[in-house]
C-alpha cells in the first residue's frame, strides 16, 4: 500500500511540475506581450483547475484550497478578458506576480 501511495505522489509531483512550468511560461509570455488573451487565460485556468483537482485527490487540502482561490481570481480575469476589458499595467503585473508566487507554493 505504501508503494502505491509513493507512486501516486511521484506522479502528482511530476505532473504538477509540468503544469507549473506551463503556467510560468504563459505568465512570462503575458508579461512580455503586456496583456492577457482569451486563450492564455483559458489555459491558465485549465492548468490551475487541474492542479486544484489533483491536490484534492491526493488529500492535500491546504494546497487544494489555496489553488481554489487562485482559480477564482482567474475565473474573474477570464470574465473581464472575455468582455474585452483591458487590465491596467499595475493590475496585470499584480496578477503575474501572484501567479508566479502561486507556482512557488508547489
PDB file of N, CA and C in Angstrom:
ATOM      1  N   UNK A   1       0.822  -1.191   0.000  1.00  0.00           N
ATOM      2  CA  UNK A   1       0.000   0.000   0.000  1.00  0.00           C
ATOM      3  C   UNK A   1       0.869   1.259   0.000  1.00  0.00           C
ATOM      4  N   UNK A   2       1.964   1.249   0.761  1.00  0.00           N
ATOM      5  CA  UNK A   2       2.821   2.431   0.794  1.00  0.00           C
ATOM      6  C   UNK A   2       3.491   2.668  -0.553  1.00  0.00           C
ATOM      7  N   UNK A   3       3.789   1.592  -1.290  1.00  0.00           N
ATOM      8  CA  UNK A   3       4.369   1.771  -2.620  1.00  0.00           C
ATOM      9  C   UNK A   3       3.380   2.450  -3.555  1.00  0.00           C
ATOM     10  N   UNK A   4       2.090   2.081  -3.444  1.00  0.00           N
ATOM     11  CA  UNK A   4       1.060   2.733  -4.260  1.00  0.00           C
ATOM     12  C   UNK A   4       0.963   4.209  -3.919  1.00  0.00           C
ATOM     13  N   UNK A   5       1.010   4.542  -2.629  1.00  0.00           N
ATOM     14  CA  UNK A   5       0.949   5.938  -2.194  1.00  0.00           C
ATOM     15  C   UNK A   5       2.158   6.708  -2.707  1.00  0.00           C
ATOM     16  N   UNK A   6       3.309   6.115  -2.599  1.00  0.00           N
ATOM     17  CA  UNK A   6       4.541   6.771  -3.059  1.00  0.00           C
ATOM     18  C   UNK A   6       4.501   6.972  -4.575  1.00  0.00           C
ATOM     19  N   UNK A   7       4.008   5.968  -5.286  1.00  0.00           N
ATOM     20  CA  UNK A   7       3.895   6.074  -6.743  1.00  0.00           C
ATOM     21  C   UNK A   7       2.915   7.188  -7.126  1.00  0.00           C
ATOM     22  N   UNK A   8       1.804   7.282  -6.407  1.00  0.00           N
ATOM     23  CA  UNK A   8       0.824   8.346  -6.653  1.00  0.00           C
ATOM     24  C   UNK A   8       1.434   9.710  -6.385  1.00  0.00           C
ATOM     25  N   UNK A   9       2.199   9.820  -5.318  1.00  0.00           N
ATOM     26  CA  UNK A   9       2.861  11.089  -5.002  1.00  0.00           C
ATOM     27  C   UNK A   9       3.870  11.463  -6.079  1.00  0.00           C
ATOM     28  N   UNK A  10       4.623  10.476  -6.561  1.00  0.00           N
ATOM     29  CA  UNK A  10       5.596  10.740  -7.621  1.00  0.00           C
ATOM     30  C   UNK A  10       4.921  11.228  -8.893  1.00  0.00           C
ATOM     31  N   UNK A  11       3.797  10.604  -9.243  1.00  0.00           N
ATOM     32  CA  UNK A  11       3.048  11.016 -10.425  1.00  0.00           C
ATOM     33  C   UNK A  11       2.514  12.428 -10.229  1.00  0.00           C
ATOM     34  N   UNK A  12       1.955  12.697  -9.039  1.00  0.00           N
ATOM     35  CA  UNK A  12       1.445  14.038  -8.745  1.00  0.00           C
ATOM     36  C   UNK A  12       2.542  15.082  -8.897  1.00  0.00           C
ATOM     37  N   UNK A  13       3.690  14.822  -8.324  1.00  0.00           N
ATOM     38  CA  UNK A  13       4.807  15.777  -8.374  1.00  0.00           C
ATOM     39  C   UNK A  13       5.266  16.000  -9.808  1.00  0.00           C
ATOM     40  N   UNK A  14       5.401  14.934 -10.570  1.00  0.00           N
ATOM     41  CA  UNK A  14       5.822  15.061 -11.971  1.00  0.00           C
ATOM     42  C   UNK A  14       4.834  15.881 -12.778  1.00  0.00           C
ATOM     43  N   UNK A  15       3.552  15.546 -12.651  1.00  0.00           N
ATOM     44  CA  UNK A  15       2.528  16.263 -13.409  1.00  0.00           C
ATOM     45  C   UNK A  15       2.389  17.711 -12.944  1.00  0.00           C
ATOM     46  N   UNK A  16       2.462  17.934 -11.642  1.00  0.00           N
ATOM     47  CA  UNK A  16       2.364  19.297 -11.114  1.00  0.00           C
ATOM     48  C   UNK A  16       3.524  20.148 -11.628  1.00  0.00           C
ATOM     49  N   UNK A  17       4.713  19.591 -11.659  1.00  0.00           N
ATOM     50  CA  UNK A  17       5.869  20.336 -12.171  1.00  0.00           C
ATOM     51  C   UNK A  17       5.693  20.700 -13.639  1.00  0.00           C
ATOM     52  N   UNK A  18       5.148  19.780 -14.432  1.00  0.00           N
ATOM     53  CA  UNK A  18       4.894  20.074 -15.847  1.00  0.00           C
ATOM     54  C   UNK A  18       3.859  21.189 -15.984  1.00  0.00           C
ATOM     55  N   UNK A  19       2.805  21.118 -15.194  1.00  0.00           N
ATOM     56  CA  UNK A  19       1.762  22.130 -15.254  1.00  0.00           C
ATOM     57  C   UNK A  19       2.283  23.482 -14.782  1.00  0.00           C
ATOM     58  N   UNK A  20       3.092  23.479 -13.753  1.00  0.00           N
ATOM     59  CA  UNK A  20       3.661  24.731 -13.247  1.00  0.00           C
ATOM     60  C   UNK A  20       4.642  25.345 -14.236  1.00  0.00           C
ATOM     61  N   UNK A  21       5.401  24.498 -14.926  1.00  0.00           N
ATOM     62  CA  UNK A  21       6.288  25.014 -15.982  1.00  0.00           C
ATOM     63  C   UNK A  21       5.473  25.711 -17.065  1.00  0.00           C
ATOM     64  N   UNK A  22       4.355  25.096 -17.448  1.00  0.00           N
ATOM     65  CA  UNK A  22       3.475  25.700 -18.454  1.00  0.00           C
ATOM     66  C   UNK A  22       2.883  27.009 -17.938  1.00  0.00           C
ATOM     67  N   UNK A  23       2.451  27.006 -16.684  1.00  0.00           N
ATOM     68  CA  UNK A  23       1.879  28.202 -16.076  1.00  0.00           C
ATOM     69  C   UNK A  23       2.895  29.340 -16.091  1.00  0.00           C
ATOM     70  N   UNK A  24       4.110  29.055 -15.682  1.00  0.00           N
ATOM     71  CA  UNK A  24       5.155  30.079 -15.653  1.00  0.00           C
ATOM     72  C   UNK A  24       5.480  30.585 -17.056  1.00  0.00           C
ATOM     73  N   UNK A  25       5.502  29.694 -18.012  1.00  0.00           N
ATOM     74  CA  UNK A  25       5.783  30.076 -19.393  1.00  0.00           C
ATOM     75  C   UNK A  25       4.707  31.019 -19.927  1.00  0.00           C
ATOM     76  N   UNK A  26       3.451  30.700 -19.651  1.00  0.00           N
ATOM     77  CA  UNK A  26       2.353  31.560 -20.092  1.00  0.00           C
ATOM     78  C   UNK A  26       2.459  32.929 -19.428  1.00  0.00           C
ATOM     79  N   UNK A  27       2.725  32.944 -18.127  1.00  0.00           N
ATOM     80  CA  UNK A  27       2.833  34.219 -17.419  1.00  0.00           C
ATOM     81  C   UNK A  27       3.991  35.064 -17.956  1.00  0.00           C
ATOM     82  N   UNK A  28       5.079  34.433 -18.315  1.00  0.00           N
ATOM     83  CA  UNK A  28       6.209  35.172 -18.878  1.00  0.00           C
ATOM     84  C   UNK A  28       5.843  35.744 -20.256  1.00  0.00           C
ATOM     85  N   UNK A  29       5.079  34.974 -21.043  1.00  0.00           N
ATOM     86  CA  UNK A  29       4.610  35.481 -22.336  1.00  0.00           C
ATOM     87  C   UNK A  29       3.680  36.672 -22.138  1.00  0.00           C
ATOM     88  N   UNK A  30       2.774  36.560 -21.155  1.00  0.00           N
ATOM     89  CA  UNK A  30       1.849  37.662 -20.866  1.00  0.00           C
ATOM     90  C   UNK A  30       2.639  38.904 -20.471  1.00  0.00           C
ATOM     91  N   UNK A  31       3.648  38.714 -19.648  1.00  0.00           N
ATOM     92  CA  UNK A  31       4.455  39.858 -19.213  1.00  0.00           C
ATOM     93  C   UNK A  31       5.145  40.513 -20.409  1.00  0.00           C
ATOM     94  N   UNK A  32       5.655  39.695 -21.309  1.00  0.00           N
ATOM     95  CA  UNK A  32       6.340  40.213 -22.496  1.00  0.00           C
ATOM     96  C   UNK A  32       5.356  40.950 -23.418  1.00  0.00           C
ATOM     97  N   UNK A  33       4.154  40.369 -23.613  1.00  0.00           N
ATOM     98  CA  UNK A  33       3.156  40.958 -24.508  1.00  0.00           C
ATOM     99  C   UNK A  33       2.411  42.129 -23.862  1.00  0.00           C
ATOM    100  N   UNK A  34       2.347  42.120 -22.531  1.00  0.00           N
ATOM    101  CA  UNK A  34       1.667  43.194 -21.822  1.00  0.00           C
ATOM    102  C   UNK A  34       0.160  43.061 -21.772  1.00  0.00           C
ATOM    103  N   UNK A  35      -0.346  41.844 -22.063  1.00  0.00           N
ATOM    104  CA  UNK A  35      -1.785  41.633 -21.964  1.00  0.00           C
ATOM    105  C   UNK A  35      -2.122  40.150 -21.872  1.00  0.00           C
ATOM    106  N   UNK A  36      -3.298  39.906 -21.292  1.00  0.00           N
ATOM    107  CA  UNK A  36      -3.848  38.565 -21.245  1.00  0.00           C
ATOM    108  C   UNK A  36      -4.769  38.388 -22.439  1.00  0.00           C
ATOM    109  N   UNK A  37      -4.626  37.287 -23.144  1.00  0.00           N
ATOM    110  CA  UNK A  37      -5.546  36.958 -24.233  1.00  0.00           C
ATOM    111  C   UNK A  37      -6.569  35.952 -23.709  1.00  0.00           C
ATOM    112  N   UNK A  38      -7.636  35.798 -24.453  1.00  0.00           N
ATOM    113  CA  UNK A  38      -8.661  34.821 -24.086  1.00  0.00           C
ATOM    114  C   UNK A  38      -8.052  33.426 -23.990  1.00  0.00           C
ATOM    115  N   UNK A  39      -7.187  33.098 -24.927  1.00  0.00           N
ATOM    116  CA  UNK A  39      -6.621  31.751 -24.944  1.00  0.00           C
ATOM    117  C   UNK A  39      -5.630  31.510 -23.801  1.00  0.00           C
ATOM    118  N   UNK A  40      -4.786  32.503 -23.469  1.00  0.00           N
ATOM    119  CA  UNK A  40      -3.839  32.217 -22.380  1.00  0.00           C
ATOM    120  C   UNK A  40      -4.520  32.231 -21.017  1.00  0.00           C
ATOM    121  N   UNK A  41      -5.587  33.015 -20.850  1.00  0.00           N
ATOM    122  CA  UNK A  41      -6.335  32.956 -19.590  1.00  0.00           C
ATOM    123  C   UNK A  41      -7.038  31.604 -19.467  1.00  0.00           C
ATOM    124  N   UNK A  42      -7.597  31.131 -20.576  1.00  0.00           N
ATOM    125  CA  UNK A  42      -8.271  29.824 -20.562  1.00  0.00           C
ATOM    126  C   UNK A  42      -7.280  28.714 -20.219  1.00  0.00           C
ATOM    127  N   UNK A  43      -6.087  28.792 -20.775  1.00  0.00           N
ATOM    128  CA  UNK A  43      -5.074  27.778 -20.494  1.00  0.00           C
ATOM    129  C   UNK A  43      -4.602  27.853 -19.039  1.00  0.00           C
ATOM    130  N   UNK A  44      -4.402  29.063 -18.529  1.00  0.00           N
ATOM    131  CA  UNK A  44      -4.038  29.214 -17.113  1.00  0.00           C
ATOM    132  C   UNK A  44      -5.123  28.628 -16.214  1.00  0.00           C
ATOM    133  N   UNK A  45      -6.367  28.926 -16.527  1.00  0.00           N
ATOM    134  CA  UNK A  45      -7.479  28.422 -15.733  1.00  0.00           C
ATOM    135  C   UNK A  45      -7.491  26.893 -15.760  1.00  0.00           C
ATOM    136  N   UNK A  46      -7.301  26.305 -16.948  1.00  0.00           N
ATOM    137  CA  UNK A  46      -7.294  24.845 -17.071  1.00  0.00           C
ATOM    138  C   UNK A  46      -6.170  24.224 -16.237  1.00  0.00           C
ATOM    139  N   UNK A  47      -4.992  24.820 -16.325  1.00  0.00           N
ATOM    140  CA  UNK A  47      -3.855  24.299 -15.559  1.00  0.00           C
ATOM    141  C   UNK A  47      -4.120  24.354 -14.055  1.00  0.00           C
ATOM    142  N   UNK A  48      -4.621  25.491 -13.590  1.00  0.00           N
ATOM    143  CA  UNK A  48      -4.876  25.677 -12.157  1.00  0.00           C
ATOM    144  C   UNK A  48      -6.016  24.778 -11.695  1.00  0.00           C
ATOM    145  N   UNK A  49      -7.023  24.627 -12.523  1.00  0.00           N
ATOM    146  CA  UNK A  49      -8.138  23.736 -12.176  1.00  0.00           C
ATOM    147  C   UNK A  49      -7.639  22.297 -12.018  1.00  0.00           C
ATOM    148  N   UNK A  50      -6.773  21.880 -12.913  1.00  0.00           N
ATOM    149  CA  UNK A  50      -6.208  20.534 -12.833  1.00  0.00           C
ATOM    150  C   UNK A  50      -5.350  20.375 -11.578  1.00  0.00           C
ATOM    151  N   UNK A  51      -4.545  21.385 -11.268  1.00  0.00           N
ATOM    152  CA  UNK A  51      -3.735  21.334 -10.042  1.00  0.00           C
ATOM    153  C   UNK A  51      -4.622  21.257  -8.801  1.00  0.00           C
ATOM    154  N   UNK A  52      -5.703  22.021  -8.813  1.00  0.00           N
ATOM    155  CA  UNK A  52      -6.635  22.011  -7.676  1.00  0.00           C
ATOM    156  C   UNK A  52      -7.230  20.620  -7.494  1.00  0.00           C
ATOM    157  N   UNK A  53      -7.698  20.044  -8.573  1.00  0.00           N
ATOM    158  CA  UNK A  53      -8.324  18.727  -8.509  1.00  0.00           C
ATOM    159  C   UNK A  53      -7.332  17.646  -8.095  1.00  0.00           C
ATOM    160  N   UNK A  54      -6.153  17.710  -8.656  1.00  0.00           N
ATOM    161  CA  UNK A  54      -5.125  16.707  -8.329  1.00  0.00           C
ATOM    162  C   UNK A  54      -4.707  16.790  -6.867  1.00  0.00           C
ATOM    163  N   UNK A  55      -4.527  18.003  -6.368  1.00  0.00           N
ATOM    164  CA  UNK A  55      -4.112  18.136  -4.970  1.00  0.00           C
ATOM    165  C   UNK A  55      -5.235  17.696  -4.030  1.00  0.00           C
ATOM    166  N   UNK A  56      -6.479  17.952  -4.402  1.00  0.00           N
ATOM    167  CA  UNK A  56      -7.605  17.483  -3.580  1.00  0.00           C
ATOM    168  C   UNK A  56      -7.664  15.963  -3.588  1.00  0.00           C
ATOM    169  N   UNK A  57      -7.452  15.370  -4.755  1.00  0.00           N
ATOM    170  CA  UNK A  57      -7.481  13.914  -4.866  1.00  0.00           C
ATOM    171  C   UNK A  57      -6.377  13.270  -4.024  1.00  0.00           C
ATOM    172  N   UNK A  58      -5.247  13.956  -3.914  1.00  0.00           N
ATOM    173  CA  UNK A  58      -4.140  13.435  -3.112  1.00  0.00           C
ATOM    174  C   UNK A  58      -4.357  13.673  -1.616  1.00  0.00           C
ATOM    175  N   UNK A  59      -5.365  14.463  -1.273  1.00  0.00           N
ATOM    176  CA  UNK A  59      -5.626  14.759   0.129  1.00  0.00           C
ATOM    177  C   UNK A  59      -4.858  15.959   0.650  1.00  0.00           C
ATOM    178  N   UNK A  60      -4.302  16.756  -0.251  1.00  0.00           N
ATOM    179  CA  UNK A  60      -3.556  17.948   0.133  1.00  0.00           C
ATOM    180  C   UNK A  60      -4.536  19.115   0.239  1.00  0.00           C
ATOM    181  N   UNK A  61      -5.293  19.136   1.298  1.00  0.00           N
ATOM    182  CA  UNK A  61      -6.407  20.068   1.462  1.00  0.00           C
ATOM    183  C   UNK A  61      -5.969  21.526   1.412  1.00  0.00           C
ATOM    184  N   UNK A  62      -4.949  21.882   2.149  1.00  0.00           N
ATOM    185  CA  UNK A  62      -4.499  23.286   2.156  1.00  0.00           C
ATOM    186  C   UNK A  62      -4.052  23.734   0.771  1.00  0.00           C
ATOM    187  N   UNK A  63      -3.348  22.890   0.090  1.00  0.00           N
ATOM    188  CA  UNK A  63      -2.883  23.201  -1.250  1.00  0.00           C
ATOM    189  C   UNK A  63      -4.069  23.330  -2.208  1.00  0.00           C
ATOM    190  N   UNK A  64      -5.021  22.439  -2.083  1.00  0.00           N
ATOM    191  CA  UNK A  64      -6.211  22.483  -2.915  1.00  0.00           C
ATOM    192  C   UNK A  64      -7.016  23.753  -2.662  1.00  0.00           C
ATOM    193  N   UNK A  65      -7.149  24.140  -1.413  1.00  0.00           N
ATOM    194  CA  UNK A  65      -7.911  25.353  -1.081  1.00  0.00           C
ATOM    195  C   UNK A  65      -7.209  26.604  -1.589  1.00  0.00           C
ATOM    196  N   UNK A  66      -5.913  26.666  -1.446  1.00  0.00           N
ATOM    197  CA  UNK A  66      -5.150  27.805  -1.952  1.00  0.00           C
ATOM    198  C   UNK A  66      -5.276  27.879  -3.468  1.00  0.00           C
ATOM    199  N   UNK A  67      -5.184  26.747  -4.106  1.00  0.00           N
ATOM    200  CA  UNK A  67      -5.313  26.685  -5.556  1.00  0.00           C
ATOM    201  C   UNK A  67      -6.714  27.126  -5.992  1.00  0.00           C
ATOM    202  N   UNK A  68      -7.704  26.758  -5.206  1.00  0.00           N
ATOM    203  CA  UNK A  68      -9.079  27.159  -5.497  1.00  0.00           C
ATOM    204  C   UNK A  68      -9.212  28.688  -5.489  1.00  0.00           C
ATOM    205  N   UNK A  69      -8.549  29.340  -4.563  1.00  0.00           N
ATOM    206  CA  UNK A  69      -8.597  30.810  -4.503  1.00  0.00           C
ATOM    207  C   UNK A  69      -7.959  31.435  -5.751  1.00  0.00           C
ATOM    208  N   UNK A  70      -6.854  30.868  -6.188  1.00  0.00           N
ATOM    209  CA  UNK A  70      -6.225  31.384  -7.400  1.00  0.00           C
ATOM    210  C   UNK A  70      -7.120  31.105  -8.617  1.00  0.00           C
ATOM    211  N   UNK A  71      -7.768  29.967  -8.617  1.00  0.00           N
ATOM    212  CA  UNK A  71      -8.708  29.638  -9.686  1.00  0.00           C
ATOM    213  C   UNK A  71      -9.841  30.674  -9.740  1.00  0.00           C
ATOM    214  N   UNK A  72     -10.326  31.094  -8.578  1.00  0.00           N
ATOM    215  CA  UNK A  72     -11.370  32.116  -8.520  1.00  0.00           C
ATOM    216  C   UNK A  72     -10.898  33.432  -9.156  1.00  0.00           C
ATOM    217  N   UNK A  73      -9.660  33.808  -8.893  1.00  0.00           N
ATOM    218  CA  UNK A  73      -9.098  35.027  -9.476  1.00  0.00           C
ATOM    219  C   UNK A  73      -9.029  34.889 -10.996  1.00  0.00           C
ATOM    220  N   UNK A  74      -8.596  33.725 -11.458  1.00  0.00           N
ATOM    221  CA  UNK A  74      -8.516  33.503 -12.903  1.00  0.00           C
ATOM    222  C   UNK A  74      -9.898  33.471 -13.544  1.00  0.00           C
ATOM    223  N   UNK A  75     -10.871  32.990 -12.819  1.00  0.00           N
ATOM    224  CA  UNK A  75     -12.241  32.981 -13.329  1.00  0.00           C
ATOM    225  C   UNK A  75     -12.723  34.410 -13.571  1.00  0.00           C
ATOM    226  N   UNK A  76     -12.453  35.271 -12.624  1.00  0.00           N
ATOM    227  CA  UNK A  76     -12.826  36.689 -12.764  1.00  0.00           C
ATOM    228  C   UNK A  76     -12.056  37.334 -13.917  1.00  0.00           C
ATOM    229  N   UNK A  77     -10.782  37.006 -14.009  1.00  0.00           N
ATOM    230  CA  UNK A  77      -9.955  37.527 -15.092  1.00  0.00           C
ATOM    231  C   UNK A  77     -10.493  37.055 -16.438  1.00  0.00           C
ATOM    232  N   UNK A  78     -10.906  35.802 -16.506  1.00  0.00           N
ATOM    233  CA  UNK A  78     -11.463  35.245 -17.745  1.00  0.00           C
ATOM    234  C   UNK A  78     -12.718  36.010 -18.169  1.00  0.00           C
ATOM    235  N   UNK A  79     -13.555  36.352 -17.191  1.00  0.00           N
ATOM    236  CA  UNK A  79     -14.758  37.137 -17.490  1.00  0.00           C
ATOM    237  C   UNK A  79     -14.392  38.512 -18.051  1.00  0.00           C
ATOM    238  N   UNK A  80     -13.439  39.180 -17.404  1.00  0.00           N
ATOM    239  CA  UNK A  80     -13.039  40.524 -17.840  1.00  0.00           C
ATOM    240  C   UNK A  80     -12.413  40.496 -19.233  1.00  0.00           C
ATOM    241  N   UNK A  81     -11.529  39.544 -19.463  1.00  0.00           N
ATOM    242  CA  UNK A  81     -10.870  39.439 -20.765  1.00  0.00           C
ATOM    243  C   UNK A  81     -11.904  39.093 -21.835  1.00  0.00           C
ATOM    244  N   UNK A  82     -12.859  38.236 -21.496  1.00  0.00           N
ATOM    245  CA  UNK A  82     -13.914  37.876 -22.436  1.00  0.00           C
ATOM    246  C   UNK A  82     -14.794  39.050 -22.817  1.00  0.00           C
ATOM    247  N   UNK A  83     -14.874  40.044 -21.952  1.00  0.00           N
ATOM    248  CA  UNK A  83     -15.659  41.250 -22.228  1.00  0.00           C
ATOM    249  C   UNK A  83     -14.787  42.360 -22.814  1.00  0.00           C
ATOM    250  N   UNK A  84     -13.553  41.990 -23.186  1.00  0.00           N
ATOM    251  CA  UNK A  84     -12.595  42.954 -23.740  1.00  0.00           C
ATOM    252  C   UNK A  84     -12.326  44.126 -22.802  1.00  0.00           C
ATOM    253  N   UNK A  85     -12.298  43.841 -21.512  1.00  0.00           N
ATOM    254  CA  UNK A  85     -11.967  44.861 -20.522  1.00  0.00           C
ATOM    255  C   UNK A  85     -10.471  44.768 -20.223  1.00  0.00           C
ATOM    256  N   UNK A  86      -9.693  45.706 -20.738  1.00  0.00           N
ATOM    257  CA  UNK A  86      -8.250  45.636 -20.528  1.00  0.00           C
ATOM    258  C   UNK A  86      -7.876  45.871 -19.063  1.00  0.00           C
ATOM    259  N   UNK A  87      -6.800  45.241 -18.666  1.00  0.00           N
ATOM    260  CA  UNK A  87      -6.281  45.436 -17.320  1.00  0.00           C
ATOM    261  C   UNK A  87      -5.290  46.589 -17.331  1.00  0.00           C
ATOM    262  N   UNK A  88      -5.267  47.313 -16.246  1.00  0.00           N
ATOM    263  CA  UNK A  88      -4.230  48.335 -16.112  1.00  0.00           C
ATOM    264  C   UNK A  88      -2.881  47.631 -16.011  1.00  0.00           C
ATOM    265  N   UNK A  89      -1.829  48.353 -16.317  1.00  0.00           N
ATOM    266  CA  UNK A  89      -0.483  47.783 -16.231  1.00  0.00           C
ATOM    267  C   UNK A  89      -0.189  47.302 -14.814  1.00  0.00           C
ATOM    268  N   UNK A  90      -0.680  48.040 -13.840  1.00  0.00           N
ATOM    269  CA  UNK A  90      -0.460  47.670 -12.438  1.00  0.00           C
ATOM    270  C   UNK A  90      -1.164  46.365 -12.094  1.00  0.00           C
ATOM    271  N   UNK A  91      -2.406  46.229 -12.509  1.00  0.00           N
ATOM    272  CA  UNK A  91      -3.160  45.010 -12.217  1.00  0.00           C
ATOM    273  C   UNK A  91      -2.583  43.822 -12.975  1.00  0.00           C
ATOM    274  N   UNK A  92      -2.176  44.050 -14.211  1.00  0.00           N
ATOM    275  CA  UNK A  92      -1.538  42.997 -14.999  1.00  0.00           C
ATOM    276  C   UNK A  92      -0.310  42.466 -14.263  1.00  0.00           C
ATOM    277  N   UNK A  93       0.511  43.375 -13.789  1.00  0.00           N
ATOM    278  CA  UNK A  93       1.733  42.983 -13.070  1.00  0.00           C
ATOM    279  C   UNK A  93       1.399  42.253 -11.762  1.00  0.00           C
ATOM    280  N   UNK A  94       0.359  42.688 -11.074  1.00  0.00           N
ATOM    281  CA  UNK A  94      -0.045  42.024  -9.831  1.00  0.00           C
ATOM    282  C   UNK A  94      -0.510  40.596 -10.084  1.00  0.00           C
ATOM    283  N   UNK A  95      -1.262  40.386 -11.152  1.00  0.00           N
ATOM    284  CA  UNK A  95      -1.730  39.034 -11.473  1.00  0.00           C
ATOM    285  C   UNK A  95      -0.551  38.151 -11.852  1.00  0.00           C
ATOM    286  N   UNK A  96       0.370  38.685 -12.628  1.00  0.00           N
ATOM    287  CA  UNK A  96       1.567  37.920 -12.990  1.00  0.00           C
ATOM    288  C   UNK A  96       2.362  37.564 -11.743  1.00  0.00           C
ATOM    289  N   UNK A  97       2.606  38.539 -10.879  1.00  0.00           N
ATOM    290  CA  UNK A  97       3.348  38.284  -9.636  1.00  0.00           C
ATOM    291  C   UNK A  97       2.638  37.255  -8.770  1.00  0.00           C
ATOM    292  N   UNK A  98       1.317  37.362  -8.675  1.00  0.00           N
ATOM    293  CA  UNK A  98       0.545  36.395  -7.887  1.00  0.00           C
ATOM    294  C   UNK A  98       0.688  35.003  -8.481  1.00  0.00           C
ATOM    295  N   UNK A  99       0.597  34.907  -9.796  1.00  0.00           N
ATOM    296  CA  UNK A  99       0.734  33.607 -10.456  1.00  0.00           C
ATOM    297  C   UNK A  99       2.102  32.994 -10.235  1.00  0.00           C
ATOM    298  N   UNK A 100       3.141  33.805 -10.327  1.00  0.00           N
ATOM    299  CA  UNK A 100       4.491  33.287 -10.115  1.00  0.00           C
ATOM    300  C   UNK A 100       4.697  32.901  -8.651  1.00  0.00           C
ATOM    301  N   UNK A 101       4.139  33.689  -7.724  1.00  0.00           N
ATOM    302  CA  UNK A 101       4.222  33.344  -6.298  1.00  0.00           C
ATOM    303  C   UNK A 101       3.444  32.059  -6.023  1.00  0.00           C
ATOM    304  N   UNK A 102       2.286  31.939  -6.670  1.00  0.00           N
ATOM    305  CA  UNK A 102       1.486  30.734  -6.529  1.00  0.00           C
ATOM    306  C   UNK A 102       2.295  29.504  -6.945  1.00  0.00           C
ATOM    307  N   UNK A 103       2.987  29.614  -8.061  1.00  0.00           N
ATOM    308  CA  UNK A 103       3.754  28.453  -8.544  1.00  0.00           C
ATOM    309  C   UNK A 103       4.881  28.082  -7.584  1.00  0.00           C
ATOM    310  N   UNK A 104       5.369  29.056  -6.819  1.00  0.00           N
ATOM    311  CA  UNK A 104       6.404  28.774  -5.825  1.00  0.00           C
ATOM    312  C   UNK A 104       5.873  27.940  -4.652  1.00  0.00           C
ATOM    313  N   UNK A 105       4.548  27.982  -4.426  1.00  0.00           N
ATOM    314  CA  UNK A 105       3.955  27.192  -3.342  1.00  0.00           C
ATOM    315  C   UNK A 105       4.143  25.700  -3.557  1.00  0.00           C
ATOM    316  N   UNK A 106       4.083  25.294  -4.798  1.00  0.00           N
ATOM    317  CA  UNK A 106       4.216  23.882  -5.115  1.00  0.00           C
ATOM    318  C   UNK A 106       5.654  23.475  -5.043  1.00  0.00           C
TER     319      UNK A 106
END
